[in-house]
């Protein structure tokens, strides 16, 4: 089954928000695999896109929502 990219992006942002805005890569990767069937390559592409869009940042093994990411969630 192919990953639904828009749904996975929004779902990962929402999951990060629900978890306080930051999670280690491993935890977020497991969530993406279970809920969005995003294996290693798909997860990397999803997260690279979210970083490029400045919705999340990655530092020392942890993904964190940015203000822009929180705004994207609020905008629906």
Protein backbone atom coordinates (compact mmCIF):
# COMPACT_ATOMS: atom_id res chain seq x y z
CA UNK A 1 0.00 0.00 0.00
CA UNK A 2 1.38 3.42 -0.96
CA UNK A 3 1.71 6.12 1.65
CA UNK A 4 -0.84 8.94 1.37
CA UNK A 5 1.66 11.80 1.62
CA UNK A 6 -0.68 14.69 2.58
CA UNK A 7 -2.43 12.56 5.21
CA UNK A 8 0.86 11.30 6.61
CA UNK A 9 2.35 14.82 6.78
CA UNK A 10 -0.66 16.18 8.65
CA UNK A 11 -0.82 13.12 10.88
CA UNK A 12 2.84 13.37 11.84
CA UNK A 13 2.47 17.07 12.66
CA UNK A 14 -0.62 16.31 14.77
CA UNK A 15 1.14 13.46 16.57
CA UNK A 16 4.11 15.71 17.35
CA UNK A 17 1.75 18.34 18.74
CA UNK A 18 -0.08 15.76 20.86
CA UNK A 19 3.25 14.55 22.28
CA UNK A 20 4.23 18.05 23.42
CA UNK A 21 5.81 19.25 20.19
CA UNK A 22 8.94 17.08 20.08
CA UNK A 23 9.86 13.41 19.75
CA UNK A 24 12.97 11.35 19.14
CA UNK A 25 13.29 10.17 15.55
CA UNK A 26 12.79 6.52 16.50
CA UNK A 27 9.40 7.14 18.14
CA UNK A 28 8.15 9.26 15.25
CA UNK A 29 9.40 6.69 12.73
CA UNK A 30 7.56 3.86 14.49
CA UNK A 31 4.37 5.94 14.52
CA UNK A 32 4.73 6.68 10.79
CA UNK A 33 5.31 3.03 10.00
CA UNK A 34 2.31 1.79 12.00
CA UNK A 35 -0.20 4.45 11.01
CA UNK A 36 0.92 5.51 7.52
CA UNK A 37 2.90 2.49 6.26
CA UNK A 38 5.84 4.85 5.74
CA UNK A 39 8.95 2.67 5.77
CA UNK A 40 12.47 4.02 6.02
CA UNK A 41 12.68 5.75 2.63
CA UNK A 42 9.12 7.14 2.74
CA UNK A 43 9.67 8.39 6.31
CA UNK A 44 12.89 10.12 5.27
CA UNK A 45 11.14 11.80 2.34
CA UNK A 46 8.22 12.88 4.53
CA UNK A 47 10.48 14.38 7.17
CA UNK A 48 12.78 16.04 4.63
CA UNK A 49 9.69 17.69 3.14
CA UNK A 50 8.46 18.87 6.53
CA UNK A 51 11.90 20.30 7.29
CA UNK A 52 12.13 21.98 3.86
CA UNK A 53 8.71 23.54 4.47
CA UNK A 54 9.96 24.72 7.89
CA UNK A 55 7.18 22.88 9.71
CA UNK A 56 9.63 20.88 11.85
CA UNK A 57 13.29 21.06 12.78
CA UNK A 58 15.65 18.18 13.50
CA UNK A 59 18.33 18.55 16.16
CA UNK A 60 20.31 15.90 18.02
CA UNK A 61 18.00 13.05 17.02
CA UNK A 62 14.76 14.86 17.84
CA UNK A 63 12.08 16.31 15.59
CA UNK A 64 10.35 19.43 16.94
CA UNK A 65 7.40 21.40 15.63
CA UNK A 66 8.09 24.98 14.62
CA UNK A 67 5.67 27.87 15.05
CA UNK A 68 4.92 27.52 11.34
CA UNK A 69 4.13 23.83 11.92
CA UNK A 70 1.76 24.66 14.77
CA UNK A 71 0.14 27.27 12.55
CA UNK A 72 -0.32 24.76 9.75
CA UNK A 73 -2.20 22.51 12.16
CA UNK A 74 -4.37 25.37 13.37
CA UNK A 75 -5.20 26.36 9.80
CA UNK A 76 -6.60 22.91 9.18
